[in-house]
Amino acid sequence: MSKEVQMSIKMESELRDQFMTVAATMQRPAAQIVRDLMRSYIARQEMPNKETIAAIEAVERGEVTTHASTAELYRTLGI
């Protein structure tokens, strides 16, 4: 089981107020939304991700119509 820790973030009061209002409107705890945003950000940093790999493989199998240079660019960039 992972241990929960606290984190403090400095931000403009207007941004915080807007965020808290939206969280309350959605009836979701602000902390849960922040955790979801953090997980999403981390997932976007993982290169290549599962979706990118699947797209490259589909192009290589000829299942997707695209320019060959696009697939080669993806391979070159490692995405």
N, C-alpha and C. Protein backbone atom coordinates (compact mmCIF):
# COMPACT_ATOMS: atom_id res chain seq x y z
N MET A 1 0.85 -1.17 0.00
CA MET A 1 0.00 0.00 0.00
C MET A 1 0.89 1.24 0.00
N SER A 2 0.53 2.23 -0.83
CA SER A 2 1.36 3.43 -0.90
C SER A 2 0.98 4.39 0.22
N LYS A 3 1.97 5.14 0.65
CA LYS A 3 1.78 6.10 1.72
C LYS A 3 1.37 7.44 1.11
N GLU A 4 0.36 8.06 1.66
CA GLU A 4 -0.07 9.37 1.18
C GLU A 4 0.74 10.45 1.87
N VAL A 5 1.13 11.45 1.10
CA VAL A 5 1.87 12.59 1.63
C VAL A 5 1.16 13.86 1.19
N GLN A 6 1.43 14.93 1.89
CA GLN A 6 0.84 16.21 1.54
C GLN A 6 1.79 16.99 0.64
N MET A 7 1.21 17.85 -0.18
CA MET A 7 1.99 18.69 -1.08
C MET A 7 1.33 20.06 -1.09
N SER A 8 2.13 21.10 -1.08
CA SER A 8 1.55 22.44 -1.19
C SER A 8 1.98 23.05 -2.51
N ILE A 9 1.08 23.81 -3.11
CA ILE A 9 1.33 24.42 -4.41
C ILE A 9 0.98 25.90 -4.31
N LYS A 10 1.87 26.74 -4.79
CA LYS A 10 1.59 28.17 -4.83
C LYS A 10 0.89 28.50 -6.14
N MET A 11 -0.20 29.27 -6.04
CA MET A 11 -0.93 29.68 -7.24
C MET A 11 -1.69 30.95 -6.93
N GLU A 12 -2.17 31.58 -7.97
CA GLU A 12 -2.98 32.78 -7.82
C GLU A 12 -4.29 32.43 -7.12
N SER A 13 -4.74 33.31 -6.26
CA SER A 13 -5.98 33.03 -5.53
C SER A 13 -7.17 32.89 -6.48
N GLU A 14 -7.18 33.66 -7.57
CA GLU A 14 -8.28 33.56 -8.54
C GLU A 14 -8.32 32.17 -9.18
N LEU A 15 -7.15 31.64 -9.53
CA LEU A 15 -7.08 30.31 -10.12
C LEU A 15 -7.58 29.26 -9.13
N ARG A 16 -7.14 29.37 -7.88
CA ARG A 16 -7.59 28.43 -6.85
C ARG A 16 -9.10 28.50 -6.66
N ASP A 17 -9.62 29.71 -6.59
CA ASP A 17 -11.07 29.88 -6.39
C ASP A 17 -11.86 29.29 -7.55
N GLN A 18 -11.40 29.53 -8.78
CA GLN A 18 -12.08 28.97 -9.94
C GLN A 18 -12.03 27.44 -9.92
N PHE A 19 -10.87 26.91 -9.59
CA PHE A 19 -10.70 25.45 -9.53
C PHE A 19 -11.62 24.84 -8.47
N MET A 20 -11.63 25.44 -7.29
CA MET A 20 -12.48 24.91 -6.22
C MET A 20 -13.96 24.99 -6.58
N THR A 21 -14.36 26.04 -7.29
CA THR A 21 -15.75 26.18 -7.72
C THR A 21 -16.12 25.07 -8.69
N VAL A 22 -15.24 24.82 -9.66
CA VAL A 22 -15.51 23.76 -10.63
C VAL A 22 -15.54 22.39 -9.94
N ALA A 23 -14.60 22.16 -9.04
CA ALA A 23 -14.58 20.88 -8.31
C ALA A 23 -15.87 20.67 -7.53
N ALA A 24 -16.33 21.72 -6.87
CA ALA A 24 -17.57 21.62 -6.10
C ALA A 24 -18.77 21.39 -7.02
N THR A 25 -18.78 22.07 -8.17
CA THR A 25 -19.86 21.89 -9.13
C THR A 25 -19.91 20.46 -9.63
N MET A 26 -18.73 19.87 -9.83
CA MET A 26 -18.64 18.49 -10.32
C MET A 26 -18.80 17.48 -9.18
N GLN A 27 -18.91 17.97 -7.95
CA GLN A 27 -19.04 17.14 -6.75
C GLN A 27 -17.89 16.14 -6.65
N ARG A 28 -16.67 16.66 -6.90
CA ARG A 28 -15.48 15.82 -6.79
C ARG A 28 -14.49 16.53 -5.87
N PRO A 29 -13.80 15.78 -5.03
CA PRO A 29 -12.78 16.40 -4.18
C PRO A 29 -11.67 17.00 -5.04
N ALA A 30 -11.26 18.21 -4.69
CA ALA A 30 -10.20 18.89 -5.44
C ALA A 30 -8.92 18.04 -5.47
N ALA A 31 -8.61 17.38 -4.37
CA ALA A 31 -7.39 16.56 -4.31
C ALA A 31 -7.45 15.42 -5.32
N GLN A 32 -8.63 14.84 -5.51
CA GLN A 32 -8.76 13.75 -6.49
C GLN A 32 -8.54 14.26 -7.90
N ILE A 33 -9.05 15.43 -8.20
CA ILE A 33 -8.86 16.02 -9.52
C ILE A 33 -7.37 16.29 -9.76
N VAL A 34 -6.69 16.82 -8.77
CA VAL A 34 -5.25 17.09 -8.91
C VAL A 34 -4.50 15.78 -9.13
N ARG A 35 -4.84 14.73 -8.39
CA ARG A 35 -4.17 13.43 -8.59
C ARG A 35 -4.41 12.92 -10.01
N ASP A 36 -5.66 13.06 -10.50
CA ASP A 36 -5.96 12.64 -11.87
C ASP A 36 -5.16 13.43 -12.89
N LEU A 37 -5.05 14.73 -12.69
CA LEU A 37 -4.26 15.57 -13.58
C LEU A 37 -2.79 15.16 -13.57
N MET A 38 -2.27 14.85 -12.40
CA MET A 38 -0.87 14.43 -12.28
C MET A 38 -0.64 13.11 -13.00
N ARG A 39 -1.56 12.16 -12.82
CA ARG A 39 -1.43 10.86 -13.51
C ARG A 39 -1.49 11.04 -15.02
N SER A 40 -2.38 11.90 -15.48
CA SER A 40 -2.51 12.16 -16.91
C SER A 40 -1.22 12.80 -17.46
N TYR A 41 -0.67 13.72 -16.73
CA TYR A 41 0.57 14.39 -17.14
C TYR A 41 1.71 13.38 -17.23
N ILE A 42 1.82 12.53 -16.25
CA ILE A 42 2.88 11.50 -16.25
C ILE A 42 2.70 10.56 -17.43
N ALA A 43 1.47 10.14 -17.69
CA ALA A 43 1.20 9.22 -18.80
C ALA A 43 1.59 9.85 -20.14
N ARG A 44 1.35 11.15 -20.29
CA ARG A 44 1.71 11.82 -21.54
C ARG A 44 3.22 11.91 -21.73
N GLN A 45 3.98 11.82 -20.65
CA GLN A 45 5.44 11.92 -20.75
C GLN A 45 6.08 10.59 -21.12
N GLU A 46 5.35 9.50 -20.99
CA GLU A 46 5.88 8.18 -21.31
C GLU A 46 5.90 8.02 -22.82
N MET A 47 7.09 7.99 -23.38
CA MET A 47 7.23 7.91 -24.83
C MET A 47 7.99 6.67 -25.20
N PRO A 48 7.61 5.92 -26.16
CA PRO A 48 6.29 6.03 -26.77
C PRO A 48 5.24 5.36 -25.90
N ASN A 49 4.05 5.88 -25.93
CA ASN A 49 2.97 5.27 -25.16
C ASN A 49 2.32 4.15 -25.97
N LYS A 50 1.41 3.43 -25.36
CA LYS A 50 0.78 2.28 -26.01
C LYS A 50 0.06 2.66 -27.29
N GLU A 51 -0.62 3.80 -27.26
CA GLU A 51 -1.38 4.23 -28.44
C GLU A 51 -0.45 4.56 -29.60
N THR A 52 0.69 5.19 -29.31
CA THR A 52 1.64 5.53 -30.37
C THR A 52 2.24 4.27 -30.97
N ILE A 53 2.61 3.32 -30.12
CA ILE A 53 3.17 2.05 -30.61
C ILE A 53 2.15 1.34 -31.49
N ALA A 54 0.90 1.29 -31.06
CA ALA A 54 -0.14 0.63 -31.84
C ALA A 54 -0.32 1.32 -33.19
N ALA A 55 -0.27 2.64 -33.22
CA ALA A 55 -0.42 3.38 -34.47
C ALA A 55 0.74 3.09 -35.43
N ILE A 56 1.95 3.08 -34.90
CA ILE A 56 3.12 2.78 -35.73
C ILE A 56 3.01 1.38 -36.31
N GLU A 57 2.64 0.42 -35.48
CA GLU A 57 2.50 -0.96 -35.95
C GLU A 57 1.42 -1.08 -37.01
N ALA A 58 0.31 -0.35 -36.84
CA ALA A 58 -0.77 -0.39 -37.83
C ALA A 58 -0.30 0.17 -39.17
N VAL A 59 0.49 1.24 -39.12
CA VAL A 59 1.03 1.82 -40.36
C VAL A 59 1.97 0.82 -41.02
N GLU A 60 2.81 0.20 -40.23
CA GLU A 60 3.77 -0.76 -40.78
C GLU A 60 3.08 -1.97 -41.40
N ARG A 61 1.91 -2.34 -40.86
CA ARG A 61 1.15 -3.46 -41.42
C ARG A 61 0.31 -3.02 -42.62
N GLY A 62 0.30 -1.73 -42.91
CA GLY A 62 -0.47 -1.21 -44.04
C GLY A 62 -1.94 -1.05 -43.74
N GLU A 63 -2.30 -1.03 -42.47
CA GLU A 63 -3.71 -0.91 -42.08
C GLU A 63 -4.18 0.53 -42.04
N VAL A 64 -3.25 1.46 -42.04
CA VAL A 64 -3.59 2.88 -41.95
C VAL A 64 -2.94 3.58 -43.12
N THR A 65 -3.71 4.42 -43.79
CA THR A 65 -3.17 5.17 -44.91
C THR A 65 -2.52 6.43 -44.39
N THR A 66 -1.23 6.54 -44.63
CA THR A 66 -0.47 7.73 -44.22
C THR A 66 0.77 7.81 -45.09
N HIS A 67 1.47 8.88 -44.98
CA HIS A 67 2.72 9.01 -45.72
C HIS A 67 3.79 8.18 -45.02
N ALA A 68 4.59 7.48 -45.80
CA ALA A 68 5.65 6.66 -45.22
C ALA A 68 6.60 7.52 -44.42
N SER A 69 6.79 8.76 -44.82
CA SER A 69 7.72 9.63 -44.09
C SER A 69 7.23 9.89 -42.67
N THR A 70 5.92 9.87 -42.45
CA THR A 70 5.38 10.07 -41.11
C THR A 70 5.78 8.91 -40.20
N ALA A 71 5.61 7.69 -40.68
CA ALA A 71 5.98 6.53 -39.88
C ALA A 71 7.48 6.54 -39.60
N GLU A 72 8.27 6.90 -40.60
CA GLU A 72 9.71 6.96 -40.41
C GLU A 72 10.08 8.03 -39.40
N LEU A 73 9.39 9.15 -39.45
CA LEU A 73 9.63 10.23 -38.47
C LEU A 73 9.32 9.73 -37.06
N TYR A 74 8.19 9.03 -36.90
CA TYR A 74 7.85 8.49 -35.59
C TYR A 74 8.96 7.58 -35.07
N ARG A 75 9.46 6.70 -35.95
CA ARG A 75 10.52 5.78 -35.55
C ARG A 75 11.78 6.55 -35.15
N THR A 76 12.13 7.53 -35.96
CA THR A 76 13.33 8.33 -35.69
C THR A 76 13.24 9.04 -34.35
N LEU A 77 12.06 9.56 -34.06
CA LEU A 77 11.86 10.28 -32.80
C LEU A 77 11.63 9.36 -31.62
N GLY A 78 11.42 8.08 -31.90
CA GLY A 78 11.18 7.13 -30.81
C GLY A 78 9.78 7.24 -30.25
N ILE A 79 8.85 7.67 -31.07
CA ILE A 79 7.45 7.79 -30.58
C ILE A 79 6.55 6.92 -31.41
